[in-house]
N, C-alpha and C. Protein backbone atom coordinates (compact mmCIF):
# COMPACT_ATOMS: atom_id res chain seq x y z
N MET A 1 -7.96 -3.97 10.22
CA MET A 1 -8.30 -3.14 9.40
C MET A 1 -8.42 -3.73 8.08
N LEU A 2 -7.20 -4.43 7.66
CA LEU A 2 -7.06 -5.48 6.44
C LEU A 2 -8.06 -5.04 5.33
N LYS A 3 -8.47 -4.34 4.58
CA LYS A 3 -8.94 -4.30 3.57
C LYS A 3 -8.42 -4.52 2.34
N ASP A 4 -8.46 -5.50 1.68
CA ASP A 4 -7.55 -6.00 0.31
C ASP A 4 -7.65 -4.99 -0.91
N ILE A 5 -6.66 -4.75 -1.36
CA ILE A 5 -6.55 -3.77 -2.40
C ILE A 5 -6.99 -4.80 -3.70
N VAL A 6 -7.95 -4.03 -4.34
CA VAL A 6 -8.64 -4.76 -5.61
C VAL A 6 -7.84 -4.46 -6.95
N SER A 7 -7.57 -3.02 -7.02
CA SER A 7 -6.82 -2.40 -8.09
C SER A 7 -5.77 -1.55 -7.76
N ALA A 8 -4.59 -1.09 -8.96
CA ALA A 8 -3.71 -0.09 -8.26
C ALA A 8 -3.21 0.27 -9.47
N GLU A 9 -3.52 1.40 -9.44
CA GLU A 9 -2.92 2.20 -11.08
C GLU A 9 -1.62 3.15 -10.74
N PRO A 10 -0.18 2.85 -11.12
CA PRO A 10 0.87 3.50 -11.36
C PRO A 10 0.43 5.01 -11.81
N LEU A 11 0.86 6.24 -10.90
CA LEU A 11 0.81 7.62 -11.39
C LEU A 11 1.76 8.21 -11.71
N THR A 12 1.80 9.20 -11.84
CA THR A 12 3.34 10.02 -11.83
C THR A 12 4.13 10.28 -10.58
N GLY A 13 5.38 10.63 -10.52
CA GLY A 13 5.79 11.17 -9.39
C GLY A 13 5.85 9.55 -8.11
N TYR A 14 5.84 8.61 -8.35
CA TYR A 14 5.91 7.97 -7.50
C TYR A 14 4.53 7.64 -6.73
N ARG A 15 3.35 7.68 -7.18
CA ARG A 15 2.58 8.00 -6.63
C ARG A 15 1.55 6.97 -7.29
N LEU A 16 0.65 6.25 -6.16
CA LEU A 16 -0.62 5.16 -6.95
C LEU A 16 -1.77 5.71 -6.63
N ARG A 17 -2.81 4.94 -7.43
CA ARG A 17 -4.31 5.18 -7.50
C ARG A 17 -4.72 3.86 -6.81
N LEU A 18 -5.35 3.65 -5.40
CA LEU A 18 -5.56 2.56 -5.30
C LEU A 18 -7.12 2.48 -4.75
N ALA A 19 -7.84 1.43 -5.37
CA ALA A 19 -9.02 0.86 -4.92
C ALA A 19 -9.15 -0.47 -3.83
N PHE A 20 -9.56 -0.38 -3.06
CA PHE A 20 -10.27 -1.64 -1.49
C PHE A 20 -11.38 -2.21 -2.15
N GLU A 21 -11.44 -3.19 -1.52
CA GLU A 21 -12.60 -4.37 -1.36
C GLU A 21 -13.88 -3.61 -1.16
N ASP A 22 -13.58 -2.47 0.17
CA ASP A 22 -14.79 -2.07 0.64
C ASP A 22 -15.15 -0.94 -0.52
N GLY A 23 -14.98 -0.56 -1.42
CA GLY A 23 -15.11 0.46 -2.11
C GLY A 23 -14.25 1.79 -1.73
N ALA A 24 -13.55 1.73 -1.05
CA ALA A 24 -12.69 3.02 -0.76
C ALA A 24 -11.61 3.22 -1.88
N GLU A 25 -11.15 4.33 -2.37
CA GLU A 25 -9.94 4.78 -2.98
C GLU A 25 -9.24 6.02 -2.77
N GLY A 26 -7.86 5.76 -3.07
CA GLY A 26 -7.62 7.07 -2.94
C GLY A 26 -5.93 7.23 -3.56
N THR A 27 -5.40 7.77 -3.73
CA THR A 27 -3.97 8.08 -3.82
C THR A 27 -3.00 7.95 -2.62
N VAL A 28 -1.51 7.58 -3.04
CA VAL A 28 -0.98 7.17 -1.75
C VAL A 28 0.85 7.76 -2.72
N ALA A 29 1.40 8.61 -2.20
CA ALA A 29 2.50 8.99 -2.63
C ALA A 29 3.44 7.92 -1.92
N VAL A 30 4.12 7.10 -2.47
CA VAL A 30 5.10 6.09 -1.89
C VAL A 30 6.07 6.76 -1.73
N ARG A 31 6.81 7.88 -2.27
CA ARG A 31 7.97 8.29 -1.96
C ARG A 31 8.13 9.07 -0.08
N GLN A 32 6.77 9.28 0.16
CA GLN A 32 6.47 9.77 1.34
C GLN A 32 6.69 8.71 2.54
N LEU A 33 6.38 6.98 1.69
CA LEU A 33 6.82 6.21 2.77
C LEU A 33 7.68 5.27 2.65
N ILE A 34 8.65 4.99 1.95
CA ILE A 34 9.60 4.61 1.86
C ILE A 34 11.32 5.24 1.64
N GLU A 35 11.86 4.58 1.81
CA GLU A 35 13.19 4.96 1.19
C GLU A 35 13.59 4.12 0.51
N PHE A 36 14.54 4.84 -1.24
CA PHE A 36 14.66 4.15 -1.88
C PHE A 36 16.05 3.14 -1.80
N THR A 37 15.75 2.26 -1.01
CA THR A 37 17.37 2.00 -0.34
C THR A 37 16.96 0.14 -0.53
N GLY A 38 17.90 -0.46 -0.30
CA GLY A 38 17.41 -2.30 -0.27
C GLY A 38 16.48 -2.91 -1.23
N VAL A 39 15.24 -3.34 -0.72
CA VAL A 39 14.42 -3.97 -1.60
C VAL A 39 13.89 -3.15 -2.43
N PHE A 40 13.71 -2.13 -2.23
CA PHE A 40 13.19 -0.61 -2.94
C PHE A 40 13.82 0.00 -3.65
N GLU A 41 15.09 -0.59 -3.84
CA GLU A 41 15.56 0.55 -4.53
C GLU A 41 15.88 0.32 -5.91
N PRO A 42 15.27 -0.91 -6.65
CA PRO A 42 14.80 -0.81 -7.93
C PRO A 42 13.31 0.23 -8.45
N LEU A 43 12.76 0.47 -7.27
CA LEU A 43 11.60 1.52 -7.16
C LEU A 43 12.29 2.55 -8.04
N ARG A 44 13.03 3.09 -7.49
CA ARG A 44 13.54 4.65 -8.16
C ARG A 44 13.75 4.63 -9.94
N ASP A 45 13.83 3.44 -10.52
CA ASP A 45 13.40 3.77 -11.65
C ASP A 45 11.98 3.62 -11.83
N GLU A 46 11.49 4.67 -12.63
CA GLU A 46 10.20 5.11 -12.83
C GLU A 46 9.54 3.84 -13.45
N ALA A 47 10.23 3.60 -14.47
CA ALA A 47 9.53 2.34 -15.34
C ALA A 47 9.45 0.90 -14.28
N TYR A 48 10.57 0.57 -13.66
CA TYR A 48 10.18 -0.33 -12.71
C TYR A 48 9.28 -0.30 -11.90
N PHE A 49 8.87 1.14 -11.30
CA PHE A 49 7.94 1.26 -10.53
C PHE A 49 6.89 0.89 -10.71
N ARG A 50 6.27 1.52 -12.47
CA ARG A 50 5.10 1.11 -12.80
C ARG A 50 4.68 -0.28 -13.11
N GLN A 51 5.42 -1.14 -12.84
CA GLN A 51 5.25 -2.72 -12.86
C GLN A 51 4.72 -3.56 -12.03
N LEU A 52 4.40 -2.28 -10.99
CA LEU A 52 3.57 -3.18 -9.54
C LEU A 52 2.04 -4.06 -10.42
N ARG A 53 2.22 -4.44 -9.60
CA ARG A 53 0.88 -5.57 -9.81
C ARG A 53 0.20 -5.87 -8.55
N VAL A 54 -1.01 -6.22 -8.27
CA VAL A 54 -2.28 -6.72 -7.19
C VAL A 54 -1.37 -7.96 -6.37
N ASN A 55 -1.09 -8.73 -5.62
CA ASN A 55 -1.48 -10.12 -5.44
C ASN A 55 -2.53 -10.07 -4.32
N ALA A 56 -3.37 -11.04 -5.23
CA ALA A 56 -4.58 -11.23 -4.76
C ALA A 56 -4.41 -12.05 -3.64
N GLU A 57 -3.63 -13.03 -3.37
CA GLU A 57 -3.17 -13.92 -2.16
C GLU A 57 -2.96 -12.96 -1.26
N LEU A 58 -2.07 -11.92 -1.33
CA LEU A 58 -1.79 -11.08 -0.13
C LEU A 58 -2.90 -9.93 0.00
N GLY A 59 -3.21 -9.64 -0.91
CA GLY A 59 -4.23 -8.18 -0.88
C GLY A 59 -3.47 -7.14 -0.69
N THR A 60 -2.47 -7.16 -1.28
CA THR A 60 -1.47 -5.80 -1.43
C THR A 60 -0.67 -5.63 -2.67
N ILE A 61 0.20 -4.92 -2.91
CA ILE A 61 0.65 -4.61 -4.26
C ILE A 61 2.21 -4.91 -4.23
N GLU A 62 2.37 -5.43 -5.23
CA GLU A 62 3.84 -5.80 -4.78
C GLU A 62 4.85 -5.76 -6.34
N TRP A 63 5.83 -5.81 -6.30
CA TRP A 63 6.53 -5.44 -7.45
C TRP A 63 7.25 -6.71 -7.83
N PRO A 64 7.61 -6.69 -9.41
CA PRO A 64 8.78 -8.20 -9.58
C PRO A 64 9.49 -8.95 -8.47
N ASN A 65 10.57 -7.86 -7.99
CA ASN A 65 11.12 -8.38 -7.18
C ASN A 65 11.18 -9.13 -5.41
N GLY A 66 9.81 -8.86 -5.64
CA GLY A 66 8.96 -9.14 -4.20
C GLY A 66 8.86 -8.01 -3.35
N ALA A 67 9.05 -6.87 -3.58
CA ALA A 67 9.11 -5.73 -2.58
C ALA A 67 7.31 -5.55 -2.45
N ASP A 68 6.78 -5.39 -0.85
CA ASP A 68 5.25 -4.92 -1.04
C ASP A 68 5.21 -4.21 -0.35
N LEU A 69 4.00 -3.48 -0.09
CA LEU A 69 4.03 -2.67 1.10
C LEU A 69 2.94 -2.65 2.40
N ASP A 70 2.97 -2.45 3.25
CA ASP A 70 2.00 -2.91 4.26
C ASP A 70 0.47 -2.44 3.94
N LEU A 71 -1.15 -3.51 3.70
CA LEU A 71 -1.71 -3.13 3.55
C LEU A 71 -2.34 -2.32 4.48
N ASP A 72 -2.24 -2.40 5.78
CA ASP A 72 -3.06 -1.31 6.95
C ASP A 72 -2.48 0.09 6.51
N VAL A 73 -1.08 0.30 6.24
CA VAL A 73 -0.97 1.71 6.06
C VAL A 73 -1.25 2.04 4.49
N LEU A 74 -1.02 1.50 3.59
CA LEU A 74 -1.92 1.94 2.25
C LEU A 74 -3.18 2.31 2.63
N TYR A 75 -3.57 1.87 3.34
CA TYR A 75 -5.35 1.91 3.50
C TYR A 75 -5.39 3.20 4.41
N ALA A 76 -4.68 3.29 5.09
CA ALA A 76 -4.93 4.76 6.03
C ALA A 76 -4.14 5.76 5.45
N THR A 77 -3.21 5.57 4.85
CA THR A 77 -3.05 6.57 3.77
C THR A 77 -3.89 7.02 2.79
N ALA A 78 -4.18 6.57 1.98
CA ALA A 78 -4.98 6.45 0.87
C ALA A 78 -6.94 6.99 1.19
N THR A 79 -6.47 6.75 2.26
CA THR A 79 -8.43 6.95 2.94
C THR A 79 -8.08 7.95 4.07
N ASN A 80 -7.06 8.33 4.14
CA ASN A 80 -6.91 9.21 5.69
C ASN A 80 -7.20 8.71 6.74
N THR A 81 -7.32 8.11 7.10
CA THR A 81 -7.52 7.42 8.22
C THR A 81 -6.35 6.94 9.36
N VAL A 82 -6.60 6.82 10.64
CA VAL A 82 -5.60 6.68 11.55
C VAL A 82 -5.97 4.92 11.79
N ILE A 83 -4.15 4.67 11.82
CA ILE A 83 -4.44 3.16 12.49
C ILE A 83 -4.43 2.85 13.77
N ASP A 84 -4.89 2.21 14.33
CA ASP A 84 -4.69 2.15 16.13
C ASP A 84 -4.06 0.93 16.61
N LEU A 85 -2.62 1.29 17.10
CA LEU A 85 -1.65 0.51 17.22
C LEU A 85 -1.99 -0.15 18.38
N GLU A 86 -2.78 0.29 19.19
CA GLU A 86 -2.73 -0.03 20.79
C GLU A 86 -3.52 -1.31 20.82
N PRO A 87 -3.45 -2.40 21.47
CA PRO A 87 -3.69 -3.66 21.74
C PRO A 87 -5.20 -3.68 22.15
N ARG A 88 -5.74 -4.32 21.52
CA ARG A 88 -7.26 -4.58 21.61
C ARG A 88 -7.25 -5.20 23.15
N ARG A 89 -8.27 -4.68 24.04
CA ARG A 89 -8.48 -5.41 25.36
C ARG A 89 -9.87 -5.96 25.38
N ASN A 90 -9.96 -7.12 26.23
CA ASN A 90 -11.57 -7.68 26.51
C ASN A 90 -11.98 -6.42 27.84
N ASP A 91 -12.74 -5.80 27.67
CA ASP A 91 -13.33 -5.10 28.87
C ASP A 91 -14.69 -5.83 29.26
N ALA A 92 -14.92 -6.65 28.88
CA ALA A 92 -16.06 -7.60 29.86
C ALA A 92 -15.40 -8.56 30.62
N ALA A 93 -15.45 -7.99 32.02
CA ALA A 93 -14.55 -8.77 33.02
C ALA A 93 -15.57 -8.38 34.45
């Protein structure tokens, strides 16, 4: 899948408005994707949560402490699509 994030806007309630390079946009409720423990614990502070930025090198979002979220999960959640977890096969045998 891997569609890079081109913009991210923090919203209230630990939500993000994301725009992707293919023109898709959507809202992601981060609190439904993570537990606020470990590297994500600082995100519990909504002021810190709002400090997210787009890392153009990785194509995803990150926070000052280096915490980031999987790009495929963000895209699938924001666009309400399913992630294909099955390994690809070459059927041309």
